[in-house]
Amino acid sequence: MRASRRIGLEPQRSERRRLLDRVVARASALGQRDLCGSSPPVSLEEYLGRLYFDMSTAANEANIASYYDLIRLYSSELLNTTNWMIGRTGAIRRLIDRELRSASLSVVTFNHDLLIENALATLSESRHPGAWCFRHSYGINFTVAELLSDGSAEYEWDCPGNRHRHVAIYKLHGSCNWVYRTRNVYPSPQVARGDRTIWLWSNIRLSEAHRMGTGTGGRSSWYMWPLIIPPVYEKHSYITGELRRVWDSAGDVLRRATRVVFWGYSFPRADLHARYFFTALAHDNPALRAFSSTPTLDPKTSFGGVAT
C-alpha cells in the first residue's frame, strides 16, 4: 500500500471572482470591451489563442499573467461545474457498463475532468470485478510521479488484481488531477512542455485551491497547475513529454480496436491535430470507419470524413 503525501491547501477566498476581474480588465485593455456579455459570444479558443500568441511572441510579465490567469479561471470553472456530479451515476457509466459486458474496454478522451474516473469507480464490483484501478488507470507510467491528497475522500490506490480487466483511460489533453508545481505565481511559457515531475492528485473531488503547503523541509509552499492542453487552436506544441506518451499509447490501442464508439465528440474543424490523428488511424484500422455515436450526431456531417 502506498501512502499519499498529505498536503495543506491554502484557502483562496473569492479567488474566482478576482481571477474573472483580472481577465475582464485585461480583455478590455486589449480592445475586447465586453468579454462576458458580447453578442455573439467571444470564442474561448480564439481569445485564449490570442493570449497564447502574445505570450509566445513577447513573454513579458503582463502577457504571461494574462494567459495563465485565464487558464486558472478555466480550470476552476471546470471543477466547479463537474464536482457536483461526482458519486452520481449517469449516461457515461451506463455506456461503460454496456460495453464491458461484451469486450475489454479502453477509454480515449479529450476531457480534463474526472467524470470518466467517477463512472468507473461507481461500477458494480460484482458485475465487473477489477475493472477500475486508479493506480493503473491511465495506461501509462509517468516519468516521475508523486501521489497527493488533501485528506478528503480518495480513490483507492491498491490494485484489486485482474489487470487484464482494467479499463485504461487515455486523456489526450491531460487531466485536472495531473499537476505540476512552480515556485513562482505563474509558470514560464515553456514549463508545460517537455518532461517534468507530475503529481497525481488522488482525491475524488478536487479542490479549486491552487497553493499547497507540503509541511516538509525546504520550501513549504508551491503553486499547483494542472497538466492540460488548454482550448486553443494550436495544440501540437503541447503534445510533448508525458502527453506524447499518452497519445502514442492511445494510438496503439486504437490500431488494435475491433469496435470504436464515439461519444459526444464531433471532430470540430479547428481541432486539426485530433482530426489528423484519427484520419491516420482510420487508414490503419477499418474499425474506425464503422462506429456508433450519440443519437444527436449525424456521422455524415459531424465527423467530416475522418471515420465514415
C-alpha atoms as a PDB file:
ATOM      1  CA  MET A   1       0.000   0.000   0.000  1.00  0.00           C
ATOM      2  CA  ARG A   2       1.315   3.428  -0.895  1.00  0.00           C
ATOM      3  CA  ALA A   3       0.515   6.351   1.347  1.00  0.00           C
ATOM      4  CA  SER A   4      -0.390   9.667  -0.211  1.00  0.00           C
ATOM      5  CA  ARG A   5       1.682  12.687   0.648  1.00  0.00           C
ATOM      6  CA  ARG A   6      -0.643  14.875   2.667  1.00  0.00           C
ATOM      7  CA  ILE A   7      -0.779  18.496   1.642  1.00  0.00           C
ATOM      8  CA  GLY A   8      -2.365  21.532   3.183  1.00  0.00           C
ATOM      9  CA  LEU A   9      -4.304  23.570   0.666  1.00  0.00           C
ATOM     10  CA  GLU A  10      -4.190  27.274   1.332  1.00  0.00           C
ATOM     11  CA  PRO A  11      -7.687  28.782   1.123  1.00  0.00           C
ATOM     12  CA  GLN A  12      -8.376  31.040  -1.844  1.00  0.00           C
ATOM     13  CA  ARG A  13     -11.384  33.133  -0.806  1.00  0.00           C
ATOM     14  CA  SER A  14     -13.129  34.788  -3.723  1.00  0.00           C
ATOM     15  CA  GLU A  15     -10.247  33.762  -5.971  1.00  0.00           C
ATOM     16  CA  ARG A  16     -12.526  33.009  -8.914  1.00  0.00           C
ATOM     17  CA  ARG A  17     -14.042  36.498  -8.662  1.00  0.00           C
ATOM     18  CA  ARG A  18     -10.619  38.125  -8.584  1.00  0.00           C
ATOM     19  CA  LEU A  19      -9.473  35.987 -11.493  1.00  0.00           C
ATOM     20  CA  LEU A  20     -12.506  36.960 -13.506  1.00  0.00           C
ATOM     21  CA  ASP A  21     -11.959  40.660 -12.745  1.00  0.00           C
ATOM     22  CA  ARG A  22      -8.333  40.452 -13.919  1.00  0.00           C
ATOM     23  CA  VAL A  23      -9.273  38.533 -17.067  1.00  0.00           C
ATOM     24  CA  VAL A  24     -12.015  41.017 -17.961  1.00  0.00           C
ATOM     25  CA  ALA A  25      -9.769  44.018 -17.264  1.00  0.00           C
ATOM     26  CA  ARG A  26      -7.022  42.606 -19.483  1.00  0.00           C
ATOM     27  CA  ALA A  27      -9.523  41.891 -22.261  1.00  0.00           C
ATOM     28  CA  SER A  28     -10.739  45.492 -22.077  1.00  0.00           C
ATOM     29  CA  ALA A  29      -7.154  46.741 -22.342  1.00  0.00           C
ATOM     30  CA  LEU A  30      -6.748  44.602 -25.464  1.00  0.00           C
ATOM     31  CA  GLY A  31      -9.886  46.092 -27.050  1.00  0.00           C
ATOM     32  CA  GLN A  32     -12.413  43.403 -26.033  1.00  0.00           C
ATOM     33  CA  ARG A  33     -14.698  45.700 -24.065  1.00  0.00           C
ATOM     34  CA  ASP A  34     -17.390  43.214 -23.030  1.00  0.00           C
ATOM     35  CA  LEU A  35     -15.720  39.827 -22.744  1.00  0.00           C
ATOM     36  CA  CYS A  36     -18.542  38.154 -20.805  1.00  0.00           C
ATOM     37  CA  GLY A  37     -21.555  39.830 -22.361  1.00  0.00           C
ATOM     38  CA  SER A  38     -20.788  40.421 -26.013  1.00  0.00           C
ATOM     39  CA  SER A  39     -23.120  39.199 -28.744  1.00  0.00           C
ATOM     40  CA  PRO A  40     -22.199  36.988 -30.462  1.00  0.00           C
ATOM     41  CA  PRO A  41     -20.228  35.422 -27.580  1.00  0.00           C
ATOM     42  CA  VAL A  42     -16.446  35.614 -27.673  1.00  0.00           C
ATOM     43  CA  SER A  43     -14.858  32.299 -28.662  1.00  0.00           C
ATOM     44  CA  LEU A  44     -12.739  30.939 -25.819  1.00  0.00           C
ATOM     45  CA  GLU A  45     -10.451  29.249 -28.337  1.00  0.00           C
ATOM     46  CA  GLU A  46      -9.912  32.467 -30.266  1.00  0.00           C
ATOM     47  CA  TYR A  47      -9.363  34.721 -27.263  1.00  0.00           C
ATOM     48  CA  LEU A  48      -7.171  32.246 -25.384  1.00  0.00           C
ATOM     49  CA  GLY A  49      -5.289  31.690 -28.618  1.00  0.00           C
ATOM     50  CA  ARG A  50      -4.605  35.415 -28.847  1.00  0.00           C
ATOM     51  CA  LEU A  51      -3.237  35.455 -25.287  1.00  0.00           C
ATOM     52  CA  TYR A  52      -1.110  32.417 -26.089  1.00  0.00           C
ATOM     53  CA  PHE A  53       0.272  34.143 -29.174  1.00  0.00           C
ATOM     54  CA  ASP A  54       1.042  37.302 -27.223  1.00  0.00           C
ATOM     55  CA  MET A  55       2.859  35.309 -24.521  1.00  0.00           C
ATOM     56  CA  SER A  56       4.779  33.243 -27.089  1.00  0.00           C
ATOM     57  CA  THR A  57       5.986  36.252 -29.052  1.00  0.00           C
ATOM     58  CA  ALA A  58       6.561  38.637 -26.132  1.00  0.00           C
ATOM     59  CA  ALA A  59       6.976  36.743 -22.844  1.00  0.00           C
ATOM     60  CA  ASN A  60       6.707  39.768 -20.577  1.00  0.00           C
ATOM     61  CA  GLU A  61       5.101  39.747 -17.147  1.00  0.00           C
ATOM     62  CA  ALA A  62       1.750  41.128 -18.322  1.00  0.00           C
ATOM     63  CA  ASN A  63       1.339  38.624 -21.180  1.00  0.00           C
ATOM     64  CA  ILE A  64       2.318  35.642 -19.035  1.00  0.00           C
ATOM     65  CA  ALA A  65      -0.099  36.706 -16.280  1.00  0.00           C
ATOM     66  CA  SER A  66      -2.947  37.280 -18.762  1.00  0.00           C
ATOM     67  CA  TYR A  67      -2.598  33.834 -20.292  1.00  0.00           C
ATOM     68  CA  TYR A  68      -2.236  31.874 -17.059  1.00  0.00           C
ATOM     69  CA  ASP A  69      -4.991  33.808 -15.286  1.00  0.00           C
ATOM     70  CA  LEU A  70      -7.413  32.609 -17.951  1.00  0.00           C
ATOM     71  CA  ILE A  71      -6.027  29.053 -17.727  1.00  0.00           C
ATOM     72  CA  ARG A  72      -6.573  29.140 -13.963  1.00  0.00           C
ATOM     73  CA  LEU A  73     -10.101  30.510 -14.371  1.00  0.00           C
ATOM     74  CA  TYR A  74     -10.902  27.847 -16.980  1.00  0.00           C
ATOM     75  CA  SER A  75      -9.665  25.044 -14.684  1.00  0.00           C
ATOM     76  CA  SER A  76     -11.533  26.449 -11.702  1.00  0.00           C
ATOM     77  CA  GLU A  77     -14.784  26.704 -13.627  1.00  0.00           C
ATOM     78  CA  LEU A  78     -14.333  23.183 -14.977  1.00  0.00           C
ATOM     79  CA  LEU A  79     -14.107  21.804 -11.442  1.00  0.00           C
ATOM     80  CA  ASN A  80     -16.973  23.982 -10.270  1.00  0.00           C
ATOM     81  CA  THR A  81     -19.289  22.626 -12.976  1.00  0.00           C
ATOM     82  CA  THR A  82     -18.333  18.933 -12.667  1.00  0.00           C
ATOM     83  CA  ASN A  83     -17.554  18.258  -8.999  1.00  0.00           C
ATOM     84  CA  TRP A  84     -21.257  18.088  -8.165  1.00  0.00           C
ATOM     85  CA  MET A  85     -21.611  15.072 -10.483  1.00  0.00           C
ATOM     86  CA  ILE A  86     -19.027  13.015  -8.607  1.00  0.00           C
ATOM     87  CA  GLY A  87     -20.598   9.993  -6.909  1.00  0.00           C
ATOM     88  CA  ARG A  88     -23.649  10.039  -9.166  1.00  0.00           C
ATOM     89  CA  THR A  89     -24.426   7.556 -11.886  1.00  0.00           C
ATOM     90  CA  GLY A  90     -25.328   8.638 -15.382  1.00  0.00           C
ATOM     91  CA  ALA A  91     -25.070   8.041 -19.108  1.00  0.00           C
ATOM     92  CA  ILE A  92     -21.298   7.594 -19.120  1.00  0.00           C
ATOM     93  CA  ARG A  93     -21.450   4.787 -16.587  1.00  0.00           C
ATOM     94  CA  ARG A  94     -24.314   3.114 -18.445  1.00  0.00           C
ATOM     95  CA  LEU A  95     -22.290   3.176 -21.661  1.00  0.00           C
ATOM     96  CA  ILE A  96     -19.202   1.715 -19.955  1.00  0.00           C
ATOM     97  CA  ASP A  97     -21.295  -0.934 -18.227  1.00  0.00           C
ATOM     98  CA  ARG A  98     -22.861  -1.938 -21.568  1.00  0.00           C
ATOM     99  CA  GLU A  99     -19.553  -2.157 -23.422  1.00  0.00           C
ATOM    100  CA  LEU A 100     -17.814  -4.123 -20.669  1.00  0.00           C
ATOM    101  CA  ARG A 101     -20.429  -6.859 -20.879  1.00  0.00           C
ATOM    102  CA  SER A 102     -19.180  -7.933 -24.295  1.00  0.00           C
ATOM    103  CA  ALA A 103     -15.498  -6.964 -24.538  1.00  0.00           C
ATOM    104  CA  SER A 104     -12.471  -5.423 -22.839  1.00  0.00           C
ATOM    105  CA  LEU A 105     -12.522  -1.651 -22.935  1.00  0.00           C
ATOM    106  CA  SER A 106     -10.230   1.360 -23.135  1.00  0.00           C
ATOM    107  CA  VAL A 107     -11.369   4.989 -22.988  1.00  0.00           C
ATOM    108  CA  VAL A 108      -9.748   7.691 -25.105  1.00  0.00           C
ATOM    109  CA  THR A 109     -10.921  11.144 -24.083  1.00  0.00           C
ATOM    110  CA  PHE A 110     -10.175  14.818 -24.666  1.00  0.00           C
ATOM    111  CA  ASN A 111     -11.871  15.839 -21.398  1.00  0.00           C
ATOM    112  CA  HIS A 112      -9.875  17.219 -18.467  1.00  0.00           C
ATOM    113  CA  ASP A 113     -12.448  16.447 -15.756  1.00  0.00           C
ATOM    114  CA  LEU A 114     -12.819  13.272 -13.654  1.00  0.00           C
ATOM    115  CA  LEU A 115     -16.224  12.112 -14.881  1.00  0.00           C
ATOM    116  CA  ILE A 116     -14.778   9.013 -16.579  1.00  0.00           C
ATOM    117  CA  GLU A 117     -12.951   8.099 -13.360  1.00  0.00           C
ATOM    118  CA  ASN A 118     -16.178   8.635 -11.426  1.00  0.00           C
ATOM    119  CA  ALA A 119     -18.125   6.385 -13.791  1.00  0.00           C
ATOM    120  CA  LEU A 120     -15.565   3.598 -13.418  1.00  0.00           C
ATOM    121  CA  ALA A 121     -15.374   3.974  -9.630  1.00  0.00           C
ATOM    122  CA  THR A 122     -19.154   3.515  -9.337  1.00  0.00           C
ATOM    123  CA  LEU A 123     -19.317   0.325 -11.442  1.00  0.00           C
ATOM    124  CA  SER A 124     -20.707  -2.770  -9.786  1.00  0.00           C
ATOM    125  CA  GLU A 125     -17.738  -4.726  -8.417  1.00  0.00           C
ATOM    126  CA  SER A 126     -19.671  -7.981  -8.581  1.00  0.00           C
ATOM    127  CA  ARG A 127     -20.518  -7.465 -12.246  1.00  0.00           C
ATOM    128  CA  HIS A 128     -17.159  -6.024 -13.325  1.00  0.00           C
ATOM    129  CA  PRO A 129     -14.501  -7.223 -10.857  1.00  0.00           C
ATOM    130  CA  GLY A 130     -11.192  -5.440 -11.247  1.00  0.00           C
ATOM    131  CA  ALA A 131     -12.386  -3.079 -13.973  1.00  0.00           C
ATOM    132  CA  TRP A 132     -11.423   0.034 -12.009  1.00  0.00           C
ATOM    133  CA  CYS A 133      -7.912   0.608 -10.702  1.00  0.00           C
ATOM    134  CA  PHE A 134      -6.786   4.165 -10.027  1.00  0.00           C
ATOM    135  CA  ARG A 135      -3.179   3.027  -9.726  1.00  0.00           C
ATOM    136  CA  HIS A 136      -3.109   1.703 -13.291  1.00  0.00           C
ATOM    137  CA  SER A 137      -5.975   3.731 -14.712  1.00  0.00           C
ATOM    138  CA  TYR A 138      -4.103   5.986 -17.118  1.00  0.00           C
ATOM    139  CA  GLY A 139      -2.497   3.297 -19.213  1.00  0.00           C
ATOM    140  CA  ILE A 140       0.997   4.804 -18.934  1.00  0.00           C
ATOM    141  CA  ASN A 141       3.739   5.161 -16.381  1.00  0.00           C
ATOM    142  CA  PHE A 142       4.782   8.748 -15.853  1.00  0.00           C
ATOM    143  CA  THR A 143       8.488   9.513 -15.729  1.00  0.00           C
ATOM    144  CA  VAL A 144       8.219  10.572 -12.085  1.00  0.00           C
ATOM    145  CA  ALA A 145       5.007  10.609 -10.097  1.00  0.00           C
ATOM    146  CA  GLU A 146       4.040  11.556  -6.574  1.00  0.00           C
ATOM    147  CA  LEU A 147       0.661  10.898  -5.011  1.00  0.00           C
ATOM    148  CA  LEU A 148      -1.002  13.892  -3.363  1.00  0.00           C
ATOM    149  CA  SER A 149      -4.045  14.135  -1.120  1.00  0.00           C
ATOM    150  CA  ASP A 150      -5.660  16.933   0.852  1.00  0.00           C
ATOM    151  CA  GLY A 151      -7.154  14.451   3.346  1.00  0.00           C
ATOM    152  CA  SER A 152     -10.637  14.231   1.841  1.00  0.00           C
ATOM    153  CA  ALA A 153     -12.045  11.083   0.199  1.00  0.00           C
ATOM    154  CA  GLU A 154      -9.562   9.441  -2.158  1.00  0.00           C
ATOM    155  CA  TYR A 155      -9.594   6.875  -4.915  1.00  0.00           C
ATOM    156  CA  GLU A 156      -8.226   3.552  -3.668  1.00  0.00           C
ATOM    157  CA  TRP A 157      -4.561   3.161  -4.591  1.00  0.00           C
ATOM    158  CA  ASP A 158      -4.226  -0.589  -4.007  1.00  0.00           C
ATOM    159  CA  CYS A 159      -4.690  -2.618  -7.181  1.00  0.00           C
ATOM    160  CA  PRO A 160      -7.601  -5.121  -7.000  1.00  0.00           C
ATOM    161  CA  GLY A 161      -5.808  -7.543  -9.336  1.00  0.00           C
ATOM    162  CA  ASN A 162      -7.146  -8.813 -12.662  1.00  0.00           C
ATOM    163  CA  ARG A 163      -5.011  -6.262 -14.506  1.00  0.00           C
ATOM    164  CA  HIS A 164      -6.086  -7.713 -17.834  1.00  0.00           C
ATOM    165  CA  ARG A 165      -9.600  -6.471 -16.977  1.00  0.00           C
ATOM    166  CA  HIS A 166      -8.599  -2.915 -16.084  1.00  0.00           C
ATOM    167  CA  VAL A 167     -10.124  -0.121 -18.144  1.00  0.00           C
ATOM    168  CA  ALA A 168      -7.334   2.215 -19.222  1.00  0.00           C
ATOM    169  CA  ILE A 169      -8.086   5.928 -19.649  1.00  0.00           C
ATOM    170  CA  TYR A 170      -6.029   7.820 -22.214  1.00  0.00           C
ATOM    171  CA  LYS A 171      -6.522  11.536 -21.562  1.00  0.00           C
ATOM    172  CA  LEU A 172      -5.129  13.122 -24.702  1.00  0.00           C
ATOM    173  CA  HIS A 173      -5.472  16.694 -23.444  1.00  0.00           C
ATOM    174  CA  GLY A 174      -4.292  15.963 -19.907  1.00  0.00           C
ATOM    175  CA  SER A 175      -6.238  15.909 -16.675  1.00  0.00           C
ATOM    176  CA  CYS A 176      -7.152  18.179 -13.786  1.00  0.00           C
ATOM    177  CA  ASN A 177      -5.646  15.660 -11.345  1.00  0.00           C
ATOM    178  CA  TRP A 178      -2.245  15.590 -13.092  1.00  0.00           C
ATOM    179  CA  VAL A 179      -0.470  18.584 -11.606  1.00  0.00           C
ATOM    180  CA  TYR A 180       2.970  20.140 -11.693  1.00  0.00           C
ATOM    181  CA  ARG A 181       4.230  22.729  -9.256  1.00  0.00           C
ATOM    182  CA  THR A 182       6.010  26.045  -9.626  1.00  0.00           C
ATOM    183  CA  ARG A 183       7.858  28.309  -7.252  1.00  0.00           C
ATOM    184  CA  ASN A 184       6.531  31.464  -8.858  1.00  0.00           C
ATOM    185  CA  VAL A 185       2.935  32.628  -9.094  1.00  0.00           C
ATOM    186  CA  TYR A 186       2.936  31.917 -12.843  1.00  0.00           C
ATOM    187  CA  PRO A 187       4.820  29.214 -14.764  1.00  0.00           C
ATOM    188  CA  SER A 188       7.230  30.135 -17.505  1.00  0.00           C
ATOM    189  CA  PRO A 189       5.836  29.986 -21.060  1.00  0.00           C
ATOM    190  CA  GLN A 190       7.727  26.706 -21.653  1.00  0.00           C
ATOM    191  CA  VAL A 191       7.131  24.880 -18.355  1.00  0.00           C
ATOM    192  CA  ALA A 192       4.038  22.966 -19.519  1.00  0.00           C
ATOM    193  CA  ARG A 193       6.038  21.310 -22.290  1.00  0.00           C
ATOM    194  CA  GLY A 194       8.565  18.515 -22.035  1.00  0.00           C
ATOM    195  CA  ASP A 195       9.245  16.262 -19.061  1.00  0.00           C
ATOM    196  CA  ARG A 196       8.627  17.428 -15.539  1.00  0.00           C
ATOM    197  CA  THR A 197       7.636  15.963 -12.175  1.00  0.00           C
ATOM    198  CA  ILE A 198       3.948  15.095 -12.224  1.00  0.00           C
ATOM    199  CA  TRP A 199       1.966  14.844  -9.017  1.00  0.00           C
ATOM    200  CA  LEU A 200      -1.088  12.621  -9.222  1.00  0.00           C
ATOM    201  CA  TRP A 201      -3.904  14.062  -7.121  1.00  0.00           C
ATOM    202  CA  SER A 202      -5.792  11.141  -5.562  1.00  0.00           C
ATOM    203  CA  ASN A 203      -8.853  12.938  -4.156  1.00  0.00           C
ATOM    204  CA  ILE A 204     -12.229  12.115  -5.662  1.00  0.00           C
ATOM    205  CA  ARG A 205     -13.336  15.757  -5.601  1.00  0.00           C
ATOM    206  CA  LEU A 206     -10.608  18.212  -6.455  1.00  0.00           C
ATOM    207  CA  SER A 207     -10.277  21.481  -4.628  1.00  0.00           C
ATOM    208  CA  GLU A 208     -10.124  24.734  -6.559  1.00  0.00           C
ATOM    209  CA  ALA A 209      -7.341  25.934  -4.258  1.00  0.00           C
ATOM    210  CA  HIS A 210      -4.059  26.140  -6.111  1.00  0.00           C
ATOM    211  CA  ARG A 211      -1.395  26.602  -3.445  1.00  0.00           C
ATOM    212  CA  MET A 212      -0.109  23.695  -1.443  1.00  0.00           C
ATOM    213  CA  GLY A 213       1.880  23.536   1.757  1.00  0.00           C
ATOM    214  CA  THR A 214       3.911  20.335   1.929  1.00  0.00           C
ATOM    215  CA  GLY A 215       4.864  20.561   5.563  1.00  0.00           C
ATOM    216  CA  THR A 216       8.323  19.198   4.746  1.00  0.00           C
ATOM    217  CA  GLY A 217      11.790  20.644   4.939  1.00  0.00           C
ATOM    218  CA  GLY A 218      12.970  23.232   2.465  1.00  0.00           C
ATOM    219  CA  ARG A 219      10.402  25.206   0.551  1.00  0.00           C
ATOM    220  CA  SER A 220       6.978  24.709   2.155  1.00  0.00           C
ATOM    221  CA  SER A 221       4.614  26.412  -0.283  1.00  0.00           C
ATOM    222  CA  TRP A 222       4.138  25.832  -4.013  1.00  0.00           C
ATOM    223  CA  TYR A 223       1.721  26.765  -6.778  1.00  0.00           C
ATOM    224  CA  MET A 224      -0.051  23.859  -8.448  1.00  0.00           C
ATOM    225  CA  TRP A 225      -1.038  23.822 -12.116  1.00  0.00           C
ATOM    226  CA  PRO A 226      -2.995  21.132 -13.975  1.00  0.00           C
ATOM    227  CA  LEU A 227      -1.194  19.394 -16.816  1.00  0.00           C
ATOM    228  CA  ILE A 228      -3.735  20.116 -19.538  1.00  0.00           C
ATOM    229  CA  ILE A 229      -3.780  21.205 -23.143  1.00  0.00           C
ATOM    230  CA  PRO A 230      -5.974  24.310 -22.990  1.00  0.00           C
ATOM    231  CA  PRO A 231      -8.720  25.022 -25.523  1.00  0.00           C
ATOM    232  CA  VAL A 232      -6.517  26.770 -28.074  1.00  0.00           C
ATOM    233  CA  TYR A 233      -6.347  26.025 -31.776  1.00  0.00           C
ATOM    234  CA  GLU A 234      -2.593  25.430 -31.760  1.00  0.00           C
ATOM    235  CA  LYS A 235      -2.267  22.280 -29.635  1.00  0.00           C
ATOM    236  CA  HIS A 236       0.619  20.480 -31.297  1.00  0.00           C
ATOM    237  CA  SER A 237       3.379  22.204 -29.320  1.00  0.00           C
ATOM    238  CA  TYR A 238       1.840  20.954 -26.047  1.00  0.00           C
ATOM    239  CA  ILE A 239       1.992  17.287 -27.049  1.00  0.00           C
ATOM    240  CA  THR A 240       5.435  16.506 -25.678  1.00  0.00           C
ATOM    241  CA  GLY A 241       6.869  14.544 -22.771  1.00  0.00           C
ATOM    242  CA  GLU A 242       4.218  12.695 -20.784  1.00  0.00           C
ATOM    243  CA  LEU A 243       1.417  13.789 -23.111  1.00  0.00           C
ATOM    244  CA  ARG A 244       3.339  12.492 -26.110  1.00  0.00           C
ATOM    245  CA  ARG A 245       3.400   9.070 -24.438  1.00  0.00           C
ATOM    246  CA  VAL A 246      -0.343   9.290 -23.793  1.00  0.00           C
ATOM    247  CA  TRP A 247      -1.011   9.971 -27.490  1.00  0.00           C
ATOM    248  CA  ASP A 248       1.314   7.159 -28.582  1.00  0.00           C
ATOM    249  CA  SER A 249      -0.325   4.678 -26.194  1.00  0.00           C
ATOM    250  CA  ALA A 250      -3.822   5.711 -27.299  1.00  0.00           C
ATOM    251  CA  GLY A 251      -2.792   5.275 -30.931  1.00  0.00           C
ATOM    252  CA  ASP A 252      -1.591   1.732 -30.227  1.00  0.00           C
ATOM    253  CA  VAL A 253      -4.901   0.868 -28.554  1.00  0.00           C
ATOM    254  CA  LEU A 254      -6.985   2.326 -31.384  1.00  0.00           C
ATOM    255  CA  ARG A 255      -4.994   0.443 -34.029  1.00  0.00           C
ATOM    256  CA  ARG A 256      -5.933  -2.818 -32.286  1.00  0.00           C
ATOM    257  CA  ALA A 257      -9.567  -1.924 -31.599  1.00  0.00           C
ATOM    258  CA  THR A 258     -12.309  -4.082 -33.079  1.00  0.00           C
ATOM    259  CA  ARG A 259     -15.084  -1.609 -32.270  1.00  0.00           C
ATOM    260  CA  VAL A 260     -14.940   2.108 -31.576  1.00  0.00           C
ATOM    261  CA  VAL A 261     -17.743   4.168 -30.032  1.00  0.00           C
ATOM    262  CA  PHE A 262     -17.529   7.943 -30.419  1.00  0.00           C
ATOM    263  CA  TRP A 263     -19.418   9.658 -27.619  1.00  0.00           C
ATOM    264  CA  GLY A 264     -20.144  13.370 -27.700  1.00  0.00           C
ATOM    265  CA  TYR A 265     -17.229  14.357 -29.916  1.00  0.00           C
ATOM    266  CA  SER A 266     -17.835  15.725 -33.409  1.00  0.00           C
ATOM    267  CA  PHE A 267     -14.315  16.419 -34.722  1.00  0.00           C
ATOM    268  CA  PRO A 268     -14.552  20.209 -34.871  1.00  0.00           C
ATOM    269  CA  ARG A 269     -12.772  21.660 -37.889  1.00  0.00           C
ATOM    270  CA  ALA A 270     -10.480  23.728 -35.690  1.00  0.00           C
ATOM    271  CA  ASP A 271      -9.130  20.693 -33.814  1.00  0.00           C
ATOM    272  CA  LEU A 272      -6.704  19.815 -36.579  1.00  0.00           C
ATOM    273  CA  HIS A 273      -4.323  17.646 -34.581  1.00  0.00           C
ATOM    274  CA  ALA A 274      -7.121  15.329 -33.468  1.00  0.00           C
ATOM    275  CA  ARG A 275      -8.506  15.132 -36.996  1.00  0.00           C
ATOM    276  CA  TYR A 276      -5.121  14.172 -38.440  1.00  0.00           C
ATOM    277  CA  PHE A 277      -4.594  11.680 -35.606  1.00  0.00           C
ATOM    278  CA  PHE A 278      -7.867   9.845 -36.232  1.00  0.00           C
ATOM    279  CA  THR A 279      -7.600  10.107 -40.005  1.00  0.00           C
ATOM    280  CA  ALA A 280      -4.248   8.276 -39.912  1.00  0.00           C
ATOM    281  CA  LEU A 281      -5.654   5.647 -37.545  1.00  0.00           C
ATOM    282  CA  ALA A 282      -8.716   5.144 -39.732  1.00  0.00           C
ATOM    283  CA  HIS A 283      -6.364   4.274 -42.589  1.00  0.00           C
ATOM    284  CA  ASP A 284      -4.691   1.619 -40.413  1.00  0.00           C
ATOM    285  CA  ASN A 285      -7.779   0.176 -38.727  1.00  0.00           C
ATOM    286  CA  PRO A 286     -11.114  -0.434 -40.525  1.00  0.00           C
ATOM    287  CA  ALA A 287     -12.907  -0.483 -37.159  1.00  0.00           C
ATOM    288  CA  LEU A 288     -12.507   3.286 -37.029  1.00  0.00           C
ATOM    289  CA  ARG A 289     -14.663   3.567 -40.138  1.00  0.00           C
ATOM    290  CA  ALA A 290     -17.625   1.716 -38.644  1.00  0.00           C
ATOM    291  CA  PHE A 291     -18.774   3.127 -35.351  1.00  0.00           C
ATOM    292  CA  SER A 292     -21.671   4.025 -33.098  1.00  0.00           C
ATOM    293  CA  SER A 293     -22.158   7.580 -31.909  1.00  0.00           C
ATOM    294  CA  THR A 294     -24.571   9.587 -29.838  1.00  0.00           C
ATOM    295  CA  PRO A 295     -28.027   9.841 -31.456  1.00  0.00           C
ATOM    296  CA  THR A 296     -27.794  13.611 -31.885  1.00  0.00           C
ATOM    297  CA  LEU A 297     -24.748  13.404 -34.161  1.00  0.00           C
ATOM    298  CA  ASP A 298     -25.054  12.723 -37.877  1.00  0.00           C
ATOM    299  CA  PRO A 299     -21.895  10.793 -38.848  1.00  0.00           C
ATOM    300  CA  LYS A 300     -22.050  12.101 -42.425  1.00  0.00           C
ATOM    301  CA  THR A 301     -21.762  15.707 -41.319  1.00  0.00           C
ATOM    302  CA  SER A 302     -20.334  15.647 -37.772  1.00  0.00           C
ATOM    303  CA  PHE A 303     -17.214  13.602 -38.407  1.00  0.00           C
ATOM    304  CA  GLY A 304     -16.165  15.298 -41.618  1.00  0.00           C
ATOM    305  CA  GLY A 305     -14.803  12.236 -43.367  1.00  0.00           C
ATOM    306  CA  VAL A 306     -12.449  11.259 -40.510  1.00  0.00           C
ATOM    307  CA  ALA A 307     -14.308   7.993 -39.942  1.00  0.00           C
ATOM    308  CA  THR A 308     -17.114   7.157 -42.333  1.00  0.00           C
END
